[in-house]
Structure formats: structure tokens, C-alpha cells
PDB file of N, CA and C in Angstrom:
ATOM      1  N   UNK A   1       2.468   4.059 -18.318  1.00  0.00           N
ATOM      2  CA  UNK A   1       3.195   2.846 -18.262  1.00  0.00           C
ATOM      3  C   UNK A   1       3.961   2.782 -16.983  1.00  0.00           C
ATOM      4  N   UNK A   2       3.720   1.710 -16.216  1.00  0.00           N
ATOM      5  CA  UNK A   2       4.389   1.557 -14.952  1.00  0.00           C
ATOM      6  C   UNK A   2       5.786   0.993 -15.137  1.00  0.00           C
ATOM      7  N   UNK A   3       6.680   1.230 -14.153  1.00  0.00           N
ATOM      8  CA  UNK A   3       7.994   0.723 -14.247  1.00  0.00           C
ATOM      9  C   UNK A   3       8.090  -0.761 -13.836  1.00  0.00           C
ATOM     10  N   UNK A   4       7.089  -1.246 -13.111  1.00  0.00           N
ATOM     11  CA  UNK A   4       7.042  -2.664 -12.738  1.00  0.00           C
ATOM     12  C   UNK A   4       5.770  -3.260 -13.285  1.00  0.00           C
ATOM     13  N   UNK A   5       5.788  -4.596 -13.435  1.00  0.00           N
ATOM     14  CA  UNK A   5       4.650  -5.326 -13.914  1.00  0.00           C
ATOM     15  C   UNK A   5       3.680  -5.526 -12.786  1.00  0.00           C
ATOM     16  N   UNK A   6       2.406  -5.545 -13.107  1.00  0.00           N
ATOM     17  CA  UNK A   6       1.378  -5.806 -12.071  1.00  0.00           C
ATOM     18  C   UNK A   6       1.271  -7.270 -11.829  1.00  0.00           C
ATOM     19  N   UNK A   7       0.579  -7.590 -10.773  1.00  0.00           N
ATOM     20  CA  UNK A   7       0.372  -9.029 -10.385  1.00  0.00           C
ATOM     21  C   UNK A   7      -0.762  -9.568 -11.272  1.00  0.00           C
ATOM     22  N   UNK A   8      -0.445 -10.574 -12.100  1.00  0.00           N
ATOM     23  CA  UNK A   8      -1.487 -11.202 -12.935  1.00  0.00           C
ATOM     24  C   UNK A   8      -2.483 -11.999 -12.105  1.00  0.00           C
ATOM     25  N   UNK A   9      -3.647 -12.163 -12.631  1.00  0.00           N
ATOM     26  CA  UNK A   9      -4.710 -12.942 -11.891  1.00  0.00           C
ATOM     27  C   UNK A   9      -4.268 -14.348 -11.542  1.00  0.00           C
ATOM     28  N   UNK A  10      -3.431 -14.934 -12.355  1.00  0.00           N
ATOM     29  CA  UNK A  10      -3.003 -16.326 -12.147  1.00  0.00           C
ATOM     30  C   UNK A  10      -2.132 -16.437 -10.902  1.00  0.00           C
ATOM     31  N   UNK A  11      -1.395 -15.382 -10.517  1.00  0.00           N
ATOM     32  CA  UNK A  11      -0.511 -15.412  -9.371  1.00  0.00           C
ATOM     33  C   UNK A  11      -1.215 -14.764  -8.158  1.00  0.00           C
ATOM     34  N   UNK A  12      -2.356 -14.139  -8.337  1.00  0.00           N
ATOM     35  CA  UNK A  12      -3.002 -13.510  -7.215  1.00  0.00           C
ATOM     36  C   UNK A  12      -3.734 -14.497  -6.329  1.00  0.00           C
ATOM     37  N   UNK A  13      -3.915 -14.103  -5.052  1.00  0.00           N
ATOM     38  CA  UNK A  13      -4.609 -14.922  -4.135  1.00  0.00           C
ATOM     39  C   UNK A  13      -6.140 -14.854  -4.376  1.00  0.00           C
ATOM     40  N   UNK A  14      -6.900 -15.479  -3.538  1.00  0.00           N
ATOM     41  CA  UNK A  14      -8.331 -15.519  -3.680  1.00  0.00           C
ATOM     42  C   UNK A  14      -8.967 -14.125  -3.506  1.00  0.00           C
ATOM     43  N   UNK A  15      -8.593 -13.339  -2.540  1.00  0.00           N
ATOM     44  CA  UNK A  15      -9.171 -11.998  -2.369  1.00  0.00           C
ATOM     45  C   UNK A  15      -8.802 -11.124  -3.566  1.00  0.00           C
ATOM     46  N   UNK A  16      -7.592 -11.170  -3.996  1.00  0.00           N
ATOM     47  CA  UNK A  16      -7.183 -10.297  -5.116  1.00  0.00           C
ATOM     48  C   UNK A  16      -7.909 -10.684  -6.382  1.00  0.00           C
ATOM     49  N   UNK A  17      -8.062 -12.022  -6.606  1.00  0.00           N
ATOM     50  CA  UNK A  17      -8.805 -12.457  -7.785  1.00  0.00           C
ATOM     51  C   UNK A  17     -10.282 -12.018  -7.688  1.00  0.00           C
ATOM     52  N   UNK A  18     -10.865 -11.962  -6.539  1.00  0.00           N
ATOM     53  CA  UNK A  18     -12.226 -11.470  -6.332  1.00  0.00           C
ATOM     54  C   UNK A  18     -12.300  -9.995  -6.708  1.00  0.00           C
ATOM     55  N   UNK A  19     -11.343  -9.213  -6.237  1.00  0.00           N
ATOM     56  CA  UNK A  19     -11.286  -7.768  -6.470  1.00  0.00           C
ATOM     57  C   UNK A  19     -11.056  -7.538  -8.035  1.00  0.00           C
ATOM     58  N   UNK A  20     -10.156  -8.362  -8.593  1.00  0.00           N
ATOM     59  CA  UNK A  20      -9.911  -8.200 -10.075  1.00  0.00           C
ATOM     60  C   UNK A  20     -11.213  -8.526 -10.838  1.00  0.00           C
ATOM     61  N   UNK A  21     -11.939  -9.552 -10.433  1.00  0.00           N
ATOM     62  CA  UNK A  21     -13.183  -9.875 -11.094  1.00  0.00           C
ATOM     63  C   UNK A  21     -14.188  -8.749 -11.029  1.00  0.00           C
ATOM     64  N   UNK A  22     -14.343  -8.184  -9.752  1.00  0.00           N
ATOM     65  CA  UNK A  22     -15.294  -7.079  -9.576  1.00  0.00           C
ATOM     66  C   UNK A  22     -14.867  -5.877 -10.378  1.00  0.00           C
ATOM     67  N   UNK A  23     -13.606  -5.564 -10.453  1.00  0.00           N
ATOM     68  CA  UNK A  23     -13.182  -4.425 -11.246  1.00  0.00           C
ATOM     69  C   UNK A  23     -13.397  -4.676 -12.762  1.00  0.00           C
ATOM     70  N   UNK A  24     -13.143  -5.919 -13.175  1.00  0.00           N
ATOM     71  CA  UNK A  24     -13.364  -6.262 -14.572  1.00  0.00           C
ATOM     72  C   UNK A  24     -14.843  -6.071 -14.906  1.00  0.00           C
ATOM     73  N   UNK A  25     -15.676  -6.506 -14.009  1.00  0.00           N
ATOM     74  CA  UNK A  25     -17.130  -6.352 -14.238  1.00  0.00           C
ATOM     75  C   UNK A  25     -17.581  -4.884 -14.247  1.00  0.00           C
ATOM     76  N   UNK A  26     -17.035  -4.024 -13.358  1.00  0.00           N
ATOM     77  CA  UNK A  26     -17.490  -2.697 -13.279  1.00  0.00           C
ATOM     78  C   UNK A  26     -16.814  -1.771 -14.299  1.00  0.00           C
ATOM     79  N   UNK A  27     -15.535  -1.910 -14.574  1.00  0.00           N
ATOM     80  CA  UNK A  27     -14.809  -1.019 -15.407  1.00  0.00           C
ATOM     81  C   UNK A  27     -14.633  -1.565 -16.865  1.00  0.00           C
ATOM     82  N   UNK A  28     -14.520  -2.909 -17.004  1.00  0.00           N
ATOM     83  CA  UNK A  28     -14.311  -3.499 -18.245  1.00  0.00           C
ATOM     84  C   UNK A  28     -12.927  -4.086 -18.419  1.00  0.00           C
ATOM     85  N   UNK A  29     -12.055  -3.657 -17.527  1.00  0.00           N
ATOM     86  CA  UNK A  29     -10.662  -4.228 -17.461  1.00  0.00           C
ATOM     87  C   UNK A  29     -10.124  -4.104 -16.041  1.00  0.00           C
ATOM     88  N   UNK A  30      -9.051  -4.808 -15.755  1.00  0.00           N
ATOM     89  CA  UNK A  30      -8.375  -4.659 -14.454  1.00  0.00           C
ATOM     90  C   UNK A  30      -7.389  -3.528 -14.616  1.00  0.00           C
ATOM     91  N   UNK A  31      -7.595  -2.437 -13.882  1.00  0.00           N
ATOM     92  CA  UNK A  31      -6.791  -1.280 -14.038  1.00  0.00           C
ATOM     93  C   UNK A  31      -5.396  -1.507 -13.506  1.00  0.00           C
ATOM     94  N   UNK A  32      -4.393  -0.825 -14.069  1.00  0.00           N
ATOM     95  CA  UNK A  32      -2.988  -1.022 -13.783  1.00  0.00           C
ATOM     96  C   UNK A  32      -2.663  -0.646 -12.327  1.00  0.00           C
ATOM     97  N   UNK A  33      -3.170   0.497 -11.762  1.00  0.00           N
ATOM     98  CA  UNK A  33      -2.804   0.773 -10.383  1.00  0.00           C
ATOM     99  C   UNK A  33      -3.263  -0.282  -9.377  1.00  0.00           C
ATOM    100  N   UNK A  34      -4.318  -0.973  -9.676  1.00  0.00           N
ATOM    101  CA  UNK A  34      -4.821  -2.076  -8.794  1.00  0.00           C
ATOM    102  C   UNK A  34      -3.812  -3.221  -8.909  1.00  0.00           C
ATOM    103  N   UNK A  35      -3.317  -3.566 -10.059  1.00  0.00           N
ATOM    104  CA  UNK A  35      -2.388  -4.659 -10.196  1.00  0.00           C
ATOM    105  C   UNK A  35      -1.068  -4.350  -9.581  1.00  0.00           C
ATOM    106  N   UNK A  36      -0.648  -3.073  -9.637  1.00  0.00           N
ATOM    107  CA  UNK A  36       0.610  -2.658  -8.985  1.00  0.00           C
ATOM    108  C   UNK A  36       0.483  -2.689  -7.446  1.00  0.00           C
ATOM    109  N   UNK A  37      -0.665  -2.221  -6.931  1.00  0.00           N
ATOM    110  CA  UNK A  37      -0.861  -2.251  -5.489  1.00  0.00           C
ATOM    111  C   UNK A  37      -0.962  -3.669  -4.949  1.00  0.00           C
ATOM    112  N   UNK A  38      -1.282  -4.601  -5.793  1.00  0.00           N
ATOM    113  CA  UNK A  38      -1.468  -6.018  -5.368  1.00  0.00           C
ATOM    114  C   UNK A  38      -0.126  -6.636  -4.993  1.00  0.00           C
ATOM    115  N   UNK A  39       0.977  -5.998  -5.286  1.00  0.00           N
ATOM    116  CA  UNK A  39       2.326  -6.528  -4.845  1.00  0.00           C
ATOM    117  C   UNK A  39       2.505  -6.534  -3.374  1.00  0.00           C
ATOM    118  N   UNK A  40       1.825  -5.614  -2.654  1.00  0.00           N
ATOM    119  CA  UNK A  40       1.980  -5.503  -1.232  1.00  0.00           C
ATOM    120  C   UNK A  40       0.573  -5.533  -0.610  1.00  0.00           C
ATOM    121  N   UNK A  41       0.276  -6.635   0.095  1.00  0.00           N
ATOM    122  CA  UNK A  41      -1.083  -6.857   0.594  1.00  0.00           C
ATOM    123  C   UNK A  41      -1.596  -5.735   1.497  1.00  0.00           C
ATOM    124  N   UNK A  42      -0.931  -5.224   2.477  1.00  0.00           N
ATOM    125  CA  UNK A  42      -1.490  -4.169   3.255  1.00  0.00           C
ATOM    126  C   UNK A  42      -1.838  -2.928   2.485  1.00  0.00           C
ATOM    127  N   UNK A  43      -1.005  -2.554   1.512  1.00  0.00           N
ATOM    128  CA  UNK A  43      -1.303  -1.415   0.683  1.00  0.00           C
ATOM    129  C   UNK A  43      -2.517  -1.715  -0.193  1.00  0.00           C
ATOM    130  N   UNK A  44      -2.617  -2.946  -0.709  1.00  0.00           N
ATOM    131  CA  UNK A  44      -3.757  -3.363  -1.524  1.00  0.00           C
ATOM    132  C   UNK A  44      -5.078  -3.243  -0.735  1.00  0.00           C
ATOM    133  N   UNK A  45      -5.041  -3.756   0.508  1.00  0.00           N
ATOM    134  CA  UNK A  45      -6.267  -3.700   1.334  1.00  0.00           C
ATOM    135  C   UNK A  45      -6.666  -2.248   1.665  1.00  0.00           C
ATOM    136  N   UNK A  46      -5.606  -1.401   1.873  1.00  0.00           N
ATOM    137  CA  UNK A  46      -5.897   0.017   2.165  1.00  0.00           C
ATOM    138  C   UNK A  46      -6.495   0.713   0.927  1.00  0.00           C
ATOM    139  N   UNK A  47      -5.925   0.374  -0.283  1.00  0.00           N
ATOM    140  CA  UNK A  47      -6.407   0.927  -1.532  1.00  0.00           C
ATOM    141  C   UNK A  47      -7.879   0.529  -1.711  1.00  0.00           C
ATOM    142  N   UNK A  48      -8.168  -0.724  -1.504  1.00  0.00           N
ATOM    143  CA  UNK A  48      -9.517  -1.216  -1.752  1.00  0.00           C
ATOM    144  C   UNK A  48     -10.470  -0.580  -0.694  1.00  0.00           C
ATOM    145  N   UNK A  49     -10.020  -0.474   0.513  1.00  0.00           N
ATOM    146  CA  UNK A  49     -10.851   0.177   1.525  1.00  0.00           C
ATOM    147  C   UNK A  49     -11.139   1.625   1.194  1.00  0.00           C
ATOM    148  N   UNK A  50     -10.101   2.368   0.657  1.00  0.00           N
ATOM    149  CA  UNK A  50     -10.317   3.756   0.285  1.00  0.00           C
ATOM    150  C   UNK A  50     -11.399   3.865  -0.804  1.00  0.00           C
ATOM    151  N   UNK A  51     -11.190   3.012  -1.870  1.00  0.00           N
ATOM    152  CA  UNK A  51     -12.093   3.063  -3.031  1.00  0.00           C
ATOM    153  C   UNK A  51     -13.498   2.702  -2.625  1.00  0.00           C
ATOM    154  N   UNK A  52     -13.636   1.698  -1.689  1.00  0.00           N
ATOM    155  CA  UNK A  52     -14.992   1.352  -1.241  1.00  0.00           C
ATOM    156  C   UNK A  52     -15.606   2.493  -0.477  1.00  0.00           C
ATOM    157  N   UNK A  53     -14.816   3.152   0.483  1.00  0.00           N
ATOM    158  CA  UNK A  53     -15.392   4.246   1.222  1.00  0.00           C
ATOM    159  C   UNK A  53     -15.756   5.410   0.305  1.00  0.00           C
ATOM    160  N   UNK A  54     -14.997   5.674  -0.712  1.00  0.00           N
ATOM    161  CA  UNK A  54     -15.296   6.760  -1.620  1.00  0.00           C
ATOM    162  C   UNK A  54     -16.592   6.483  -2.392  1.00  0.00           C
ATOM    163  N   UNK A  55     -16.831   5.254  -2.817  1.00  0.00           N
ATOM    164  CA  UNK A  55     -18.094   4.990  -3.529  1.00  0.00           C
ATOM    165  C   UNK A  55     -19.270   4.958  -2.594  1.00  0.00           C
ATOM    166  N   UNK A  56     -19.074   4.689  -1.289  1.00  0.00           N
ATOM    167  CA  UNK A  56     -20.197   4.655  -0.339  1.00  0.00           C
ATOM    168  C   UNK A  56     -20.495   6.032   0.253  1.00  0.00           C
ATOM    169  N   UNK A  57     -19.644   6.973   0.062  1.00  0.00           N
ATOM    170  CA  UNK A  57     -19.866   8.275   0.628  1.00  0.00           C
ATOM    171  C   UNK A  57     -20.981   9.031  -0.182  1.00  0.00           C
ATOM    172  N   UNK A  58     -21.870   9.561   0.588  1.00  0.00           N
ATOM    173  CA  UNK A  58     -22.980  10.323  -0.049  1.00  0.00           C
ATOM    174  C   UNK A  58     -23.037  11.766   0.309  1.00  0.00           C
ATOM    175  N   UNK A  59     -21.961  12.283   0.813  1.00  0.00           N
ATOM    176  CA  UNK A  59     -21.897  13.690   1.177  1.00  0.00           C
ATOM    177  C   UNK A  59     -21.738  14.624  -0.034  1.00  0.00           C
ATOM    178  N   UNK A  60     -21.144  14.063  -1.099  1.00  0.00           N
ATOM    179  CA  UNK A  60     -20.882  14.856  -2.298  1.00  0.00           C
ATOM    180  C   UNK A  60     -21.669  14.148  -3.410  1.00  0.00           C
ATOM    181  N   UNK A  61     -22.252  14.954  -4.313  1.00  0.00           N
ATOM    182  CA  UNK A  61     -22.983  14.380  -5.441  1.00  0.00           C
ATOM    183  C   UNK A  61     -22.118  13.573  -6.334  1.00  0.00           C
ATOM    184  N   UNK A  62     -22.680  12.475  -6.872  1.00  0.00           N
ATOM    185  CA  UNK A  62     -21.913  11.534  -7.666  1.00  0.00           C
ATOM    186  C   UNK A  62     -21.333  12.233  -8.918  1.00  0.00           C
ATOM    187  N   UNK A  63     -22.123  13.130  -9.518  1.00  0.00           N
ATOM    188  CA  UNK A  63     -21.606  13.874 -10.683  1.00  0.00           C
ATOM    189  C   UNK A  63     -20.397  14.682 -10.341  1.00  0.00           C
ATOM    190  N   UNK A  64     -20.413  15.271  -9.192  1.00  0.00           N
ATOM    191  CA  UNK A  64     -19.255  16.162  -8.762  1.00  0.00           C
ATOM    192  C   UNK A  64     -18.046  15.258  -8.477  1.00  0.00           C
ATOM    193  N   UNK A  65     -18.255  14.090  -7.844  1.00  0.00           N
ATOM    194  CA  UNK A  65     -17.129  13.164  -7.622  1.00  0.00           C
ATOM    195  C   UNK A  65     -16.502  12.702  -8.971  1.00  0.00           C
ATOM    196  N   UNK A  66     -17.334  12.414  -9.910  1.00  0.00           N
ATOM    197  CA  UNK A  66     -16.873  11.979 -11.188  1.00  0.00           C
ATOM    198  C   UNK A  66     -16.086  13.113 -11.907  1.00  0.00           C
ATOM    199  N   UNK A  67     -16.598  14.316 -11.832  1.00  0.00           N
ATOM    200  CA  UNK A  67     -15.890  15.483 -12.381  1.00  0.00           C
ATOM    201  C   UNK A  67     -14.582  15.725 -11.745  1.00  0.00           C
ATOM    202  N   UNK A  68     -14.516  15.610 -10.400  1.00  0.00           N
ATOM    203  CA  UNK A  68     -13.271  15.841  -9.708  1.00  0.00           C
ATOM    204  C   UNK A  68     -12.251  14.747 -10.074  1.00  0.00           C
ATOM    205  N   UNK A  69     -12.713  13.510 -10.219  1.00  0.00           N
ATOM    206  CA  UNK A  69     -11.849  12.420 -10.606  1.00  0.00           C
ATOM    207  C   UNK A  69     -11.253  12.679 -12.025  1.00  0.00           C
ATOM    208  N   UNK A  70     -12.087  13.084 -12.925  1.00  0.00           N
ATOM    209  CA  UNK A  70     -11.618  13.383 -14.295  1.00  0.00           C
ATOM    210  C   UNK A  70     -10.609  14.529 -14.281  1.00  0.00           C
ATOM    211  N   UNK A  71     -10.867  15.586 -13.564  1.00  0.00           N
ATOM    212  CA  UNK A  71     -10.016  16.709 -13.510  1.00  0.00           C
ATOM    213  C   UNK A  71      -8.624  16.337 -12.893  1.00  0.00           C
ATOM    214  N   UNK A  72      -8.674  15.529 -11.805  1.00  0.00           N
ATOM    215  CA  UNK A  72      -7.441  15.073 -11.185  1.00  0.00           C
ATOM    216  C   UNK A  72      -6.608  14.207 -12.116  1.00  0.00           C
ATOM    217  N   UNK A  73      -7.294  13.337 -12.816  1.00  0.00           N
ATOM    218  CA  UNK A  73      -6.581  12.473 -13.825  1.00  0.00           C
ATOM    219  C   UNK A  73      -5.978  13.309 -14.897  1.00  0.00           C
ATOM    220  N   UNK A  74      -6.663  14.325 -15.372  1.00  0.00           N
ATOM    221  CA  UNK A  74      -6.079  15.163 -16.384  1.00  0.00           C
ATOM    222  C   UNK A  74      -4.923  15.966 -15.876  1.00  0.00           C
ATOM    223  N   UNK A  75      -4.920  16.436 -14.658  1.00  0.00           N
ATOM    224  CA  UNK A  75      -3.802  17.193 -14.094  1.00  0.00           C
ATOM    225  C   UNK A  75      -2.565  16.368 -13.951  1.00  0.00           C
ATOM    226  N   UNK A  76      -2.726  15.075 -13.522  1.00  0.00           N
ATOM    227  CA  UNK A  76      -1.546  14.261 -13.285  1.00  0.00           C
ATOM    228  C   UNK A  76      -1.125  13.481 -14.521  1.00  0.00           C
ATOM    229  N   UNK A  77      -1.878  13.554 -15.601  1.00  0.00           N
ATOM    230  CA  UNK A  77      -1.564  12.882 -16.843  1.00  0.00           C
ATOM    231  C   UNK A  77      -1.877  11.406 -16.805  1.00  0.00           C
ATOM    232  N   UNK A  78      -2.959  11.022 -16.129  1.00  0.00           N
ATOM    233  CA  UNK A  78      -3.348   9.630 -16.055  1.00  0.00           C
ATOM    234  C   UNK A  78      -3.966   9.193 -17.391  1.00  0.00           C
ATOM    235  N   UNK A  79      -3.492   8.112 -18.031  1.00  0.00           N
ATOM    236  CA  UNK A  79      -4.088   7.709 -19.271  1.00  0.00           C
ATOM    237  C   UNK A  79      -5.422   7.011 -19.103  1.00  0.00           C
ATOM    238  N   UNK A  80      -5.746   6.601 -17.898  1.00  0.00           N
ATOM    239  CA  UNK A  80      -7.028   5.938 -17.664  1.00  0.00           C
ATOM    240  C   UNK A  80      -8.044   6.965 -17.273  1.00  0.00           C
TER     241      UNK A  80
END
């Protein structure tokens, strides 16, 4: 649970609504860290750029990336 509310789709700009839609389609919901990052546009663009680069990287096997992501989430106590 975050200390601040995320930016809802109704208040988001065109780019943020597009990212929300793509996330909804891929994950099934708009994840909270994405909504929190949407408060500050430069951070939001950096976050999206990082996630895009991570998915496009082919140096590490996809299964290993998924496993590392799950392990990291478990270590920091991420509910998602």
C-alpha cells in the first residue's frame, strides 16, 4: 500500500493513458508503481524507458529474468 494515491486514468495525459492501456492489456491491471511514477513526468518516462529496455534485452534468458524478478519481489516484500 502506497502512502500517496496514484494518478487515475481520467487525470492522466494521452501518453500516460496509452501506457495504462498497454499495461492493462499485458498484466490485467494498471500496477500501482506505474500510477505513482505518473505524478512526475520525467520519472515516468525514465521508468517506461527502463521497462521497455528490459523487455527488449536478449542477453539473458527470459525465464531467468522472470525468476530474478520474482526473487527480487519476494526479498523486498512486493505484493505484486
